[in-house]
C-alpha cells in the first residue's frame, strides 16, 4: 500500500513528497527482499522514478548519480540511457548559462547595431554603412555559431558520458 501511495505521488507530480518517502521504500525493499510487484522490478522502478523526480526538481547532479547507477544495474536498458542523456543535456545547459548570456548579449548588440545603422549611419554617414554591415553580420554570425557550438558540445559530452558508463558496467 505504501509503495502504491508513493508511486501515486510521483504520478501526480508531487516530487518533493515522493522523494521524502522513496528512500525508506528502497531500504525496505532491500531489507524484505521485495523483488517484484505485478511483474515489475520494484527496486529499479523506484530508483528510476527517484532519478526522474530529481531531474524534475532541477537536482541534475543527484539525478545524474541515480541514472548512472541504473545504467550500471542494467546496461542494455534504453530508457535509462535516454533519461540519463536527457538529464546530462539539461545539466550541461544549466552549467553553460554564462555562455548563453554572452550569446544573448551578442544578439542584443546586433539589434542595437541595426538601430544605429538605420537611424544614424545611413542618413548621416553613408560612407560607413559597409563597415557597420560587416560588424553587424559578424556579431550575428558569432552568436549563431556560439549557439550551435554550445549545443553540439553539450550533446557530444552527453553521448561520451553514456559510452563511458556503458563500458564501466
Protein backbone atom coordinates (compact mmCIF):
# COMPACT_ATOMS: atom_id res chain seq x y z
CA UNK A 1 0.00 0.00 0.00
CA UNK A 2 2.83 2.36 0.86
CA UNK A 3 4.51 1.71 -2.48
CA UNK A 4 1.29 2.44 -4.38
CA UNK A 5 0.84 5.71 -2.47
CA UNK A 6 4.43 6.77 -3.15
CA UNK A 7 4.13 5.93 -6.85
CA UNK A 8 0.89 7.93 -6.95
CA UNK A 9 2.75 10.92 -5.51
CA UNK A 10 5.19 10.67 -8.39
CA UNK A 11 2.42 10.31 -10.96
CA UNK A 12 0.60 13.45 -9.80
CA UNK A 13 3.86 15.42 -9.82
CA UNK A 14 4.42 15.85 -6.09
CA UNK A 15 8.12 15.13 -6.46
CA UNK A 16 9.22 16.52 -3.11
CA UNK A 17 6.77 14.29 -1.21
CA UNK A 18 7.82 11.34 -3.36
CA UNK A 19 11.49 11.95 -2.61
CA UNK A 20 10.76 12.12 1.13
CA UNK A 21 9.27 8.61 1.03
CA UNK A 22 11.20 6.77 -1.67
CA UNK A 23 14.47 6.18 0.22
CA UNK A 24 12.59 4.47 3.01
CA UNK A 25 10.85 2.22 0.49
CA UNK A 26 14.10 1.40 -1.27
CA UNK A 27 15.65 0.33 2.04
CA UNK A 28 12.52 -1.66 2.85
CA UNK A 29 12.60 -3.46 -0.50
CA UNK A 30 16.21 -4.50 0.16
CA UNK A 31 15.54 -5.49 3.76
CA UNK A 32 12.40 -7.52 2.97
CA UNK A 33 13.75 -8.96 -0.32
CA UNK A 34 10.91 -7.49 -2.38
CA UNK A 35 11.95 -8.10 -5.96
CA UNK A 36 8.84 -7.52 -7.98
CA UNK A 37 5.30 -6.30 -7.69
CA UNK A 38 2.94 -7.03 -10.58
CA UNK A 39 5.90 -8.28 -12.63
CA UNK A 40 7.94 -5.08 -12.28
CA UNK A 41 11.31 -4.90 -10.56
CA UNK A 42 10.26 -2.64 -7.70
CA UNK A 43 13.79 -1.56 -6.76
CA UNK A 44 14.70 -0.42 -10.27
CA UNK A 45 11.27 1.12 -10.76
CA UNK A 46 11.57 3.20 -7.58
CA UNK A 47 15.15 4.20 -8.44
CA UNK A 48 14.08 5.28 -11.91
CA UNK A 49 11.24 7.37 -10.53
CA UNK A 50 13.60 8.85 -7.96
CA UNK A 51 16.01 9.89 -10.70
CA UNK A 52 13.17 11.38 -12.75
CA UNK A 53 11.93 13.27 -9.69
CA UNK A 54 15.39 14.66 -9.02
CA UNK A 55 15.58 15.75 -12.66
CA UNK A 56 12.18 17.43 -12.44
CA UNK A 57 13.14 19.43 -9.34
CA UNK A 58 16.36 20.52 -11.12
CA UNK A 59 18.73 18.45 -8.97
CA UNK A 60 20.68 17.37 -12.03
CA UNK A 61 23.69 16.16 -10.07
CA UNK A 62 21.59 13.83 -7.91
CA UNK A 63 19.65 12.56 -10.93
CA UNK A 64 22.93 12.01 -12.77
CA UNK A 65 24.16 9.79 -9.96
CA UNK A 66 20.97 7.70 -9.76
CA UNK A 67 20.69 7.33 -13.55
CA UNK A 68 24.33 6.23 -13.75
CA UNK A 69 23.68 3.58 -11.09
CA UNK A 70 20.63 2.37 -13.02
CA UNK A 71 22.74 2.04 -16.17
CA UNK A 72 25.28 0.03 -14.19
CA UNK A 73 22.48 -2.25 -12.99
CA UNK A 74 21.03 -2.77 -16.48
CA UNK A 75 23.42 -1.74 -19.27
CA UNK A 76 21.02 -2.67 -22.06
CA UNK A 77 18.02 -0.63 -20.87
CA UNK A 78 17.42 2.08 -23.47
CA UNK A 79 15.02 4.01 -21.24
CA UNK A 80 17.72 4.50 -18.61
CA UNK A 81 20.21 5.65 -21.24
CA UNK A 82 17.75 8.06 -22.86
CA UNK A 83 16.80 9.51 -19.49
CA UNK A 84 20.45 9.85 -18.49
CA UNK A 85 21.14 11.59 -21.81
CA UNK A 86 18.23 14.00 -21.29
CA UNK A 87 19.38 14.76 -17.75
CA UNK A 88 23.00 15.25 -18.82
CA UNK A 89 21.98 17.64 -21.61
CA UNK A 90 19.84 19.65 -19.18
CA UNK A 91 22.68 19.66 -16.63
CA UNK A 92 25.25 20.88 -19.16
CA UNK A 93 22.86 23.55 -20.45
CA UNK A 94 22.30 24.72 -16.89
CA UNK A 95 26.05 24.87 -16.29
CA UNK A 96 26.54 26.77 -19.56
CA UNK A 97 24.38 29.75 -18.60
CA UNK A 98 27.30 32.20 -18.84
CA UNK A 99 27.88 31.20 -22.44
CA UNK A 100 24.19 31.62 -23.20
CA UNK A 101 24.26 35.04 -21.55
CA UNK A 102 27.14 36.07 -23.78
CA UNK A 103 25.27 34.81 -26.85
CA UNK A 104 22.15 36.76 -25.89
CA UNK A 105 24.27 39.88 -25.38
CA UNK A 106 25.75 39.41 -28.86
CA UNK A 107 22.25 39.14 -30.33
CA UNK A 108 21.14 42.25 -28.46
CA UNK A 109 24.23 44.09 -29.64
CA UNK A 110 23.35 43.05 -33.20
CA UNK A 111 19.92 44.63 -32.76
CA UNK A 112 21.48 47.80 -31.37
CA UNK A 113 23.85 47.92 -34.32
CA UNK A 114 20.90 47.62 -36.73
CA UNK A 115 19.18 50.52 -34.95
CA UNK A 116 22.31 52.68 -35.07
CA UNK A 117 22.79 51.82 -38.72
CA UNK A 118 19.21 52.72 -39.66
CA UNK A 119 18.88 55.85 -37.51
CA UNK A 120 22.36 57.37 -37.66
CA UNK A 121 24.75 55.83 -40.17
CA UNK A 122 22.58 55.52 -43.29
CA UNK A 123 21.06 59.03 -43.12
CA UNK A 124 24.15 60.95 -41.96
CA UNK A 125 27.26 58.83 -42.64
CA UNK A 126 26.51 56.59 -45.62
CA UNK A 127 30.23 56.00 -46.23
CA UNK A 128 30.41 53.92 -43.02
CA UNK A 129 27.43 51.69 -43.87
CA UNK A 130 29.67 48.95 -45.30
CA UNK A 131 31.72 48.73 -42.10
CA UNK A 132 28.58 48.71 -39.96
CA UNK A 133 27.16 45.92 -42.08
CA UNK A 134 30.32 43.83 -41.58
CA UNK A 135 30.30 44.42 -37.83
CA UNK A 136 26.59 43.63 -37.56
CA UNK A 137 26.89 40.45 -39.61
CA UNK A 138 29.98 39.40 -37.68
CA UNK A 139 28.20 39.77 -34.35
CA UNK A 140 25.18 37.86 -35.60
CA UNK A 141 27.25 35.04 -37.09
CA UNK A 142 29.26 34.82 -33.86
CA UNK A 143 26.06 34.48 -31.83
CA UNK A 144 24.55 31.82 -34.08
CA UNK A 145 27.88 29.98 -34.21
CA UNK A 146 28.08 30.12 -30.42
CA UNK A 147 24.62 28.60 -30.07
CA UNK A 148 25.47 25.77 -32.46
CA UNK A 149 28.88 25.13 -30.93
CA UNK A 150 27.49 25.03 -27.40
CA UNK A 151 24.66 22.67 -28.34
CA UNK A 152 26.96 20.31 -30.26
CA UNK A 153 29.45 20.30 -27.39
CA UNK A 154 26.71 19.53 -24.86
CA UNK A 155 25.33 16.64 -26.91
CA UNK A 156 28.80 15.24 -27.65
CA UNK A 157 29.72 15.26 -23.96
CA UNK A 158 26.42 13.59 -23.01
CA UNK A 159 26.94 10.77 -25.51
CA UNK A 160 30.55 10.40 -24.38
CA UNK A 161 29.39 10.03 -20.74
CA UNK A 162 26.85 7.35 -21.70
CA UNK A 163 29.51 5.37 -23.57
CA UNK A 164 31.89 5.66 -20.63
CA UNK A 165 29.19 4.40 -18.24
CA UNK A 166 28.26 1.51 -20.54
CA UNK A 167 31.89 0.42 -20.77
CA UNK A 168 32.37 0.51 -16.97
CA UNK A 169 29.32 -1.65 -16.28
